[in-house]
Amino acid sequence: MASRTVRARLDDDSAAALRLLVNSGMTESEAVRTALIEAQSARLTDEALRAECERLMQDEEAVAREMAELREWEEISAPWPD
């Protein structure tokens, strides 16, 4: 894939994040590429987890079993310290 130049105006938070990555030894270009790839991976993971949760919530029997188990654990667990 051909390289592409992207311009962005950084706010204080994103500038600080870029400095952190650059201070770890990356060039600005490497830092931006790494951050974009990590952000994509996090989004894909979040979407996959959300889809799996939605799929599991459709199984009413499984949800009822899990809720019953949760109630059992609440009954036998020690009170949370104040």
PDB file of N, CA and C in Angstrom:
ATOM      1  N   MET A   1       0.839  -1.177   0.000  1.00  0.00           N
ATOM      2  CA  MET A   1       0.000   0.000   0.000  1.00  0.00           C
ATOM      3  C   MET A   1       0.882   1.236   0.000  1.00  0.00           C
ATOM      4  N   ALA A   2       0.531   2.209  -0.798  1.00  0.00           N
ATOM      5  CA  ALA A   2       1.292   3.446  -0.873  1.00  0.00           C
ATOM      6  C   ALA A   2       1.128   4.232   0.417  1.00  0.00           C
ATOM      7  N   SER A   3       2.189   4.909   0.826  1.00  0.00           N
ATOM      8  CA  SER A   3       2.079   5.702   2.049  1.00  0.00           C
ATOM      9  C   SER A   3       1.254   6.943   1.770  1.00  0.00           C
ATOM     10  N   ARG A   4       0.693   7.479   2.823  1.00  0.00           N
ATOM     11  CA  ARG A   4      -0.189   8.620   2.720  1.00  0.00           C
ATOM     12  C   ARG A   4       0.134   9.575   3.851  1.00  0.00           C
ATOM     13  N   THR A   5       0.126  10.831   3.570  1.00  0.00           N
ATOM     14  CA  THR A   5       0.378  11.840   4.579  1.00  0.00           C
ATOM     15  C   THR A   5      -0.953  12.356   5.105  1.00  0.00           C
ATOM     16  N   VAL A   6      -1.033  12.430   6.431  1.00  0.00           N
ATOM     17  CA  VAL A   6      -2.234  12.934   7.090  1.00  0.00           C
ATOM     18  C   VAL A   6      -1.815  14.081   7.996  1.00  0.00           C
ATOM     19  N   ARG A   7      -2.587  15.144   7.966  1.00  0.00           N
ATOM     20  CA  ARG A   7      -2.318  16.274   8.856  1.00  0.00           C
ATOM     21  C   ARG A   7      -3.393  16.328   9.922  1.00  0.00           C
ATOM     22  N   ALA A   8      -2.986  16.689  11.136  1.00  0.00           N
ATOM     23  CA  ALA A   8      -3.959  16.781  12.223  1.00  0.00           C
ATOM     24  C   ALA A   8      -3.547  17.903  13.163  1.00  0.00           C
ATOM     25  N   ARG A   9      -4.530  18.581  13.684  1.00  0.00           N
ATOM     26  CA  ARG A   9      -4.306  19.571  14.731  1.00  0.00           C
ATOM     27  C   ARG A   9      -4.452  18.863  16.064  1.00  0.00           C
ATOM     28  N   LEU A  10      -3.422  18.897  16.895  1.00  0.00           N
ATOM     29  CA  LEU A  10      -3.459  18.181  18.164  1.00  0.00           C
ATOM     30  C   LEU A  10      -3.914  19.096  19.291  1.00  0.00           C
ATOM     31  N   ASP A  11      -4.801  18.582  20.132  1.00  0.00           N
ATOM     32  CA  ASP A  11      -5.154  19.316  21.344  1.00  0.00           C
ATOM     33  C   ASP A  11      -4.129  18.946  22.416  1.00  0.00           C
ATOM     34  N   ASP A  12      -4.288  19.481  23.601  1.00  0.00           N
ATOM     35  CA  ASP A  12      -3.302  19.246  24.660  1.00  0.00           C
ATOM     36  C   ASP A  12      -3.164  17.764  25.004  1.00  0.00           C
ATOM     37  N   ASP A  13      -4.301  17.060  25.103  1.00  0.00           N
ATOM     38  CA  ASP A  13      -4.257  15.644  25.464  1.00  0.00           C
ATOM     39  C   ASP A  13      -3.562  14.799  24.403  1.00  0.00           C
ATOM     40  N   SER A  14      -3.900  15.034  23.143  1.00  0.00           N
ATOM     41  CA  SER A  14      -3.273  14.239  22.087  1.00  0.00           C
ATOM     42  C   SER A  14      -1.805  14.603  21.915  1.00  0.00           C
ATOM     43  N   ALA A  15      -1.450  15.861  22.142  1.00  0.00           N
ATOM     44  CA  ALA A  15      -0.037  16.260  22.076  1.00  0.00           C
ATOM     45  C   ALA A  15       0.756  15.580  23.188  1.00  0.00           C
ATOM     46  N   ALA A  16       0.168  15.499  24.382  1.00  0.00           N
ATOM     47  CA  ALA A  16       0.840  14.821  25.499  1.00  0.00           C
ATOM     48  C   ALA A  16       1.002  13.333  25.197  1.00  0.00           C
ATOM     49  N   ALA A  17      -0.018  12.729  24.609  1.00  0.00           N
ATOM     50  CA  ALA A  17       0.066  11.316  24.248  1.00  0.00           C
ATOM     51  C   ALA A  17       1.147  11.083  23.203  1.00  0.00           C
ATOM     52  N   LEU A  18       1.222  11.975  22.226  1.00  0.00           N
ATOM     53  CA  LEU A  18       2.260  11.862  21.203  1.00  0.00           C
ATOM     54  C   LEU A  18       3.651  11.999  21.831  1.00  0.00           C
ATOM     55  N   ARG A  19       3.806  12.965  22.741  1.00  0.00           N
ATOM     56  CA  ARG A  19       5.104  13.145  23.426  1.00  0.00           C
ATOM     57  C   ARG A  19       5.506  11.881  24.177  1.00  0.00           C
ATOM     58  N   LEU A  20       4.537  11.254  24.845  1.00  0.00           N
ATOM     59  CA  LEU A  20       4.820  10.032  25.596  1.00  0.00           C
ATOM     60  C   LEU A  20       5.368   8.954  24.671  1.00  0.00           C
ATOM     61  N   LEU A  21       4.713   8.773  23.528  1.00  0.00           N
ATOM     62  CA  LEU A  21       5.171   7.750  22.585  1.00  0.00           C
ATOM     63  C   LEU A  21       6.523   8.101  21.981  1.00  0.00           C
ATOM     64  N   VAL A  22       6.711   9.359  21.636  1.00  0.00           N
ATOM     65  CA  VAL A  22       7.991   9.789  21.059  1.00  0.00           C
ATOM     66  C   VAL A  22       9.102   9.631  22.096  1.00  0.00           C
ATOM     67  N   ASN A  23       8.813   9.967  23.348  1.00  0.00           N
ATOM     68  CA  ASN A  23       9.817   9.820  24.410  1.00  0.00           C
ATOM     69  C   ASN A  23      10.177   8.365  24.675  1.00  0.00           C
ATOM     70  N   SER A  24       9.309   7.445  24.232  1.00  0.00           N
ATOM     71  CA  SER A  24       9.618   6.019  24.396  1.00  0.00           C
ATOM     72  C   SER A  24      10.523   5.512  23.282  1.00  0.00           C
ATOM     73  N   GLY A  25      10.847   6.400  22.336  1.00  0.00           N
ATOM     74  CA  GLY A  25      11.796   6.029  21.290  1.00  0.00           C
ATOM     75  C   GLY A  25      11.223   5.957  19.884  1.00  0.00           C
ATOM     76  N   MET A  26       9.948   6.255  19.742  1.00  0.00           N
ATOM     77  CA  MET A  26       9.339   6.219  18.410  1.00  0.00           C
ATOM     78  C   MET A  26       9.496   7.573  17.728  1.00  0.00           C
ATOM     79  N   THR A  27       9.479   7.525  16.409  1.00  0.00           N
ATOM     80  CA  THR A  27       9.359   8.782  15.677  1.00  0.00           C
ATOM     81  C   THR A  27       7.890   9.200  15.748  1.00  0.00           C
ATOM     82  N   GLU A  28       7.606  10.446  15.383  1.00  0.00           N
ATOM     83  CA  GLU A  28       6.207  10.886  15.377  1.00  0.00           C
ATOM     84  C   GLU A  28       5.372  10.018  14.440  1.00  0.00           C
ATOM     85  N   SER A  29       5.917   9.697  13.285  1.00  0.00           N
ATOM     86  CA  SER A  29       5.181   8.862  12.324  1.00  0.00           C
ATOM     87  C   SER A  29       4.907   7.485  12.901  1.00  0.00           C
ATOM     88  N   GLU A  30       5.925   6.865  13.519  1.00  0.00           N
ATOM     89  CA  GLU A  30       5.719   5.553  14.131  1.00  0.00           C
ATOM     90  C   GLU A  30       4.678   5.625  15.246  1.00  0.00           C
ATOM     91  N   ALA A  31       4.738   6.683  16.039  1.00  0.00           N
ATOM     92  CA  ALA A  31       3.804   6.847  17.148  1.00  0.00           C
ATOM     93  C   ALA A  31       2.369   6.965  16.647  1.00  0.00           C
ATOM     94  N   VAL A  32       2.168   7.756  15.621  1.00  0.00           N
ATOM     95  CA  VAL A  32       0.811   7.936  15.083  1.00  0.00           C
ATOM     96  C   VAL A  32       0.317   6.635  14.466  1.00  0.00           C
ATOM     97  N   ARG A  33       1.158   5.959  13.697  1.00  0.00           N
ATOM     98  CA  ARG A  33       0.753   4.685  13.091  1.00  0.00           C
ATOM     99  C   ARG A  33       0.409   3.659  14.170  1.00  0.00           C
ATOM    100  N   THR A  34       1.256   3.572  15.193  1.00  0.00           N
ATOM    101  CA  THR A  34       1.012   2.632  16.290  1.00  0.00           C
ATOM    102  C   THR A  34      -0.295   2.948  17.004  1.00  0.00           C
ATOM    103  N   ALA A  35      -0.526   4.232  17.295  1.00  0.00           N
ATOM    104  CA  ALA A  35      -1.755   4.629  17.990  1.00  0.00           C
ATOM    105  C   ALA A  35      -2.995   4.305  17.162  1.00  0.00           C
ATOM    106  N   LEU A  36      -2.925   4.530  15.864  1.00  0.00           N
ATOM    107  CA  LEU A  36      -4.074   4.220  15.003  1.00  0.00           C
ATOM    108  C   LEU A  36      -4.367   2.726  14.972  1.00  0.00           C
ATOM    109  N   ILE A  37      -3.329   1.917  14.857  1.00  0.00           N
ATOM    110  CA  ILE A  37      -3.512   0.473  14.817  1.00  0.00           C
ATOM    111  C   ILE A  37      -4.053  -0.038  16.158  1.00  0.00           C
ATOM    112  N   GLU A  38      -3.524   0.490  17.280  1.00  0.00           N
ATOM    113  CA  GLU A  38      -4.014   0.083  18.598  1.00  0.00           C
ATOM    114  C   GLU A  38      -5.468   0.512  18.803  1.00  0.00           C
ATOM    115  N   ALA A  39      -5.824   1.693  18.323  1.00  0.00           N
ATOM    116  CA  ALA A  39      -7.204   2.163  18.440  1.00  0.00           C
ATOM    117  C   ALA A  39      -8.139   1.271  17.626  1.00  0.00           C
ATOM    118  N   GLN A  40      -7.719   0.894  16.434  1.00  0.00           N
ATOM    119  CA  GLN A  40      -8.528   0.004  15.604  1.00  0.00           C
ATOM    120  C   GLN A  40      -8.726  -1.342  16.302  1.00  0.00           C
ATOM    121  N   SER A  41      -7.662  -1.885  16.841  1.00  0.00           N
ATOM    122  CA  SER A  41      -7.739  -3.169  17.529  1.00  0.00           C
ATOM    123  C   SER A  41      -8.684  -3.099  18.727  1.00  0.00           C
ATOM    124  N   ALA A  42      -8.599  -2.018  19.493  1.00  0.00           N
ATOM    125  CA  ALA A  42      -9.482  -1.848  20.653  1.00  0.00           C
ATOM    126  C   ALA A  42     -10.933  -1.750  20.217  1.00  0.00           C
ATOM    127  N   ARG A  43     -11.186  -1.016  19.140  1.00  0.00           N
ATOM    128  CA  ARG A  43     -12.571  -0.889  18.644  1.00  0.00           C
ATOM    129  C   ARG A  43     -13.115  -2.225  18.182  1.00  0.00           C
ATOM    130  N   LEU A  44     -12.288  -2.979  17.461  1.00  0.00           N
ATOM    131  CA  LEU A  44     -12.734  -4.279  16.970  1.00  0.00           C
ATOM    132  C   LEU A  44     -13.011  -5.222  18.142  1.00  0.00           C
ATOM    133  N   THR A  45     -12.161  -5.173  19.164  1.00  0.00           N
ATOM    134  CA  THR A  45     -12.367  -6.002  20.349  1.00  0.00           C
ATOM    135  C   THR A  45     -13.652  -5.607  21.052  1.00  0.00           C
ATOM    136  N   ASP A  46     -13.868  -4.302  21.236  1.00  0.00           N
ATOM    137  CA  ASP A  46     -15.095  -3.823  21.876  1.00  0.00           C
ATOM    138  C   ASP A  46     -16.327  -4.264  21.099  1.00  0.00           C
ATOM    139  N   GLU A  47     -16.269  -4.141  19.776  1.00  0.00           N
ATOM    140  CA  GLU A  47     -17.410  -4.527  18.942  1.00  0.00           C
ATOM    141  C   GLU A  47     -17.669  -6.029  19.035  1.00  0.00           C
ATOM    142  N   ALA A  48     -16.604  -6.826  19.065  1.00  0.00           N
ATOM    143  CA  ALA A  48     -16.754  -8.275  19.166  1.00  0.00           C
ATOM    144  C   ALA A  48     -17.354  -8.658  20.518  1.00  0.00           C
ATOM    145  N   LEU A  49     -16.889  -8.022  21.588  1.00  0.00           N
ATOM    146  CA  LEU A  49     -17.441  -8.304  22.910  1.00  0.00           C
ATOM    147  C   LEU A  49     -18.906  -7.895  23.000  1.00  0.00           C
ATOM    148  N   ARG A  50     -19.226  -6.745  22.443  1.00  0.00           N
ATOM    149  CA  ARG A  50     -20.608  -6.274  22.451  1.00  0.00           C
ATOM    150  C   ARG A  50     -21.516  -7.251  21.691  1.00  0.00           C
ATOM    151  N   ALA A  51     -21.050  -7.702  20.537  1.00  0.00           N
ATOM    152  CA  ALA A  51     -21.843  -8.643  19.736  1.00  0.00           C
ATOM    153  C   ALA A  51     -22.029  -9.964  20.485  1.00  0.00           C
ATOM    154  N   GLU A  52     -20.981 -10.442  21.157  1.00  0.00           N
ATOM    155  CA  GLU A  52     -21.088 -11.684  21.916  1.00  0.00           C
ATOM    156  C   GLU A  52     -22.056 -11.518  23.086  1.00  0.00           C
ATOM    157  N   CYS A  53     -22.002 -10.392  23.777  1.00  0.00           N
ATOM    158  CA  CYS A  53     -22.938 -10.135  24.879  1.00  0.00           C
ATOM    159  C   CYS A  53     -24.375 -10.086  24.376  1.00  0.00           C
ATOM    160  N   GLU A  54     -24.577  -9.428  23.255  1.00  0.00           N
ATOM    161  CA  GLU A  54     -25.925  -9.355  22.694  1.00  0.00           C
ATOM    162  C   GLU A  54     -26.427 -10.738  22.299  1.00  0.00           C
ATOM    163  N   ARG A  55     -25.540 -11.554  21.743  1.00  0.00           N
ATOM    164  CA  ARG A  55     -25.917 -12.917  21.357  1.00  0.00           C
ATOM    165  C   ARG A  55     -26.282 -13.726  22.594  1.00  0.00           C
ATOM    166  N   LEU A  56     -25.465 -13.619  23.644  1.00  0.00           N
ATOM    167  CA  LEU A  56     -25.733 -14.374  24.869  1.00  0.00           C
ATOM    168  C   LEU A  56     -27.015 -13.922  25.552  1.00  0.00           C
ATOM    169  N   MET A  57     -27.310 -12.633  25.498  1.00  0.00           N
ATOM    170  CA  MET A  57     -28.515 -12.119  26.140  1.00  0.00           C
ATOM    171  C   MET A  57     -29.794 -12.616  25.444  1.00  0.00           C
ATOM    172  N   GLN A  58     -29.686 -13.096  24.225  1.00  0.00           N
ATOM    173  CA  GLN A  58     -30.849 -13.631  23.513  1.00  0.00           C
ATOM    174  C   GLN A  58     -31.269 -14.998  24.052  1.00  0.00           C
ATOM    175  N   ASP A  59     -30.351 -15.683  24.759  1.00  0.00           N
ATOM    176  CA  ASP A  59     -30.645 -17.002  25.315  1.00  0.00           C
ATOM    177  C   ASP A  59     -31.249 -16.800  26.705  1.00  0.00           C
ATOM    178  N   GLU A  60     -32.583 -16.742  26.756  1.00  0.00           N
ATOM    179  CA  GLU A  60     -33.279 -16.429  28.010  1.00  0.00           C
ATOM    180  C   GLU A  60     -33.016 -17.472  29.092  1.00  0.00           C
ATOM    181  N   GLU A  61     -32.911 -18.734  28.718  1.00  0.00           N
ATOM    182  CA  GLU A  61     -32.638 -19.779  29.713  1.00  0.00           C
ATOM    183  C   GLU A  61     -31.251 -19.597  30.327  1.00  0.00           C
ATOM    184  N   ALA A  62     -30.272 -19.284  29.497  1.00  0.00           N
ATOM    185  CA  ALA A  62     -28.912 -19.079  30.002  1.00  0.00           C
ATOM    186  C   ALA A  62     -28.855 -17.860  30.916  1.00  0.00           C
ATOM    187  N   VAL A  63     -29.565 -16.814  30.547  1.00  0.00           N
ATOM    188  CA  VAL A  63     -29.593 -15.613  31.387  1.00  0.00           C
ATOM    189  C   VAL A  63     -30.233 -15.941  32.728  1.00  0.00           C
ATOM    190  N   ALA A  64     -31.324 -16.687  32.722  1.00  0.00           N
ATOM    191  CA  ALA A  64     -31.999 -17.064  33.968  1.00  0.00           C
ATOM    192  C   ALA A  64     -31.079 -17.913  34.848  1.00  0.00           C
ATOM    193  N   ARG A  65     -30.338 -18.859  34.244  1.00  0.00           N
ATOM    194  CA  ARG A  65     -29.388 -19.680  35.014  1.00  0.00           C
ATOM    195  C   ARG A  65     -28.301 -18.819  35.634  1.00  0.00           C
ATOM    196  N   GLU A  66     -27.761 -17.885  34.858  1.00  0.00           N
ATOM    197  CA  GLU A  66     -26.698 -17.013  35.369  1.00  0.00           C
ATOM    198  C   GLU A  66     -27.205 -16.119  36.497  1.00  0.00           C
ATOM    199  N   MET A  67     -28.409 -15.609  36.362  1.00  0.00           N
ATOM    200  CA  MET A  67     -28.985 -14.751  37.401  1.00  0.00           C
ATOM    201  C   MET A  67     -29.219 -15.552  38.679  1.00  0.00           C
ATOM    202  N   ALA A  68     -29.684 -16.798  38.552  1.00  0.00           N
ATOM    203  CA  ALA A  68     -29.893 -17.654  39.721  1.00  0.00           C
ATOM    204  C   ALA A  68     -28.563 -17.932  40.414  1.00  0.00           C
ATOM    205  N   GLU A  69     -27.530 -18.195  39.621  1.00  0.00           N
ATOM    206  CA  GLU A  69     -26.209 -18.446  40.197  1.00  0.00           C
ATOM    207  C   GLU A  69     -25.676 -17.197  40.895  1.00  0.00           C
ATOM    208  N   LEU A  70     -25.885 -16.061  40.298  1.00  0.00           N
ATOM    209  CA  LEU A  70     -25.451 -14.806  40.917  1.00  0.00           C
ATOM    210  C   LEU A  70     -26.149 -14.599  42.263  1.00  0.00           C
ATOM    211  N   ARG A  71     -27.454 -14.882  42.318  1.00  0.00           N
ATOM    212  CA  ARG A  71     -28.192 -14.744  43.585  1.00  0.00           C
ATOM    213  C   ARG A  71     -27.642 -15.700  44.640  1.00  0.00           C
ATOM    214  N   GLU A  72     -27.294 -16.933  44.219  1.00  0.00           N
ATOM    215  CA  GLU A  72     -26.707 -17.894  45.159  1.00  0.00           C
ATOM    216  C   GLU A  72     -25.383 -17.377  45.712  1.00  0.00           C
ATOM    217  N   TRP A  73     -24.536 -16.852  44.837  1.00  0.00           N
ATOM    218  CA  TRP A  73     -23.246 -16.329  45.278  1.00  0.00           C
ATOM    219  C   TRP A  73     -23.425 -15.141  46.214  1.00  0.00           C
ATOM    220  N   GLU A  74     -24.395 -14.296  45.947  1.00  0.00           N
ATOM    221  CA  GLU A  74     -24.650 -13.157  46.827  1.00  0.00           C
ATOM    222  C   GLU A  74     -25.079 -13.620  48.210  1.00  0.00           C
ATOM    223  N   GLU A  75     -25.858 -14.709  48.280  1.00  0.00           N
ATOM    224  CA  GLU A  75     -26.326 -15.223  49.561  1.00  0.00           C
ATOM    225  C   GLU A  75     -25.191 -15.814  50.396  1.00  0.00           C
ATOM    226  N   ILE A  76     -24.225 -16.441  49.758  1.00  0.00           N
ATOM    227  CA  ILE A  76     -23.157 -17.109  50.522  1.00  0.00           C
ATOM    228  C   ILE A  76     -21.890 -16.271  50.669  1.00  0.00           C
ATOM    229  N   SER A  77     -21.815 -15.157  49.991  1.00  0.00           N
ATOM    230  CA  SER A  77     -20.594 -14.357  50.065  1.00  0.00           C
ATOM    231  C   SER A  77     -20.600 -13.490  51.313  1.00  0.00           C
ATOM    232  N   ALA A  78     -19.414 -13.196  51.793  1.00  0.00           N
ATOM    233  CA  ALA A  78     -19.262 -12.349  52.971  1.00  0.00           C
ATOM    234  C   ALA A  78     -19.635 -10.917  52.606  1.00  0.00           C
ATOM    235  N   PRO A  79     -20.128 -10.162  53.579  1.00  0.00           N
ATOM    236  CA  PRO A  79     -20.453  -8.752  53.292  1.00  0.00           C
ATOM    237  C   PRO A  79     -19.193  -7.970  52.928  1.00  0.00           C
ATOM    238  N   TRP A  80     -19.376  -7.000  52.052  1.00  0.00           N
ATOM    239  CA  TRP A  80     -18.269  -6.161  51.623  1.00  0.00           C
ATOM    240  C   TRP A  80     -17.870  -5.223  52.764  1.00  0.00           C
ATOM    241  N   PRO A  81     -16.573  -5.138  53.097  1.00  0.00           N
ATOM    242  CA  PRO A  81     -16.183  -4.260  54.209  1.00  0.00           C
ATOM    243  C   PRO A  81     -16.423  -2.791  53.892  1.00  0.00           C
ATOM    244  N   ASP A  82     -16.792  -2.052  54.911  1.00  0.00           N
ATOM    245  CA  ASP A  82     -17.047  -0.610  54.738  1.00  0.00           C
ATOM    246  C   ASP A  82     -15.779   0.183  54.694  1.00  0.00           C
TER     247      ASP A  82
END
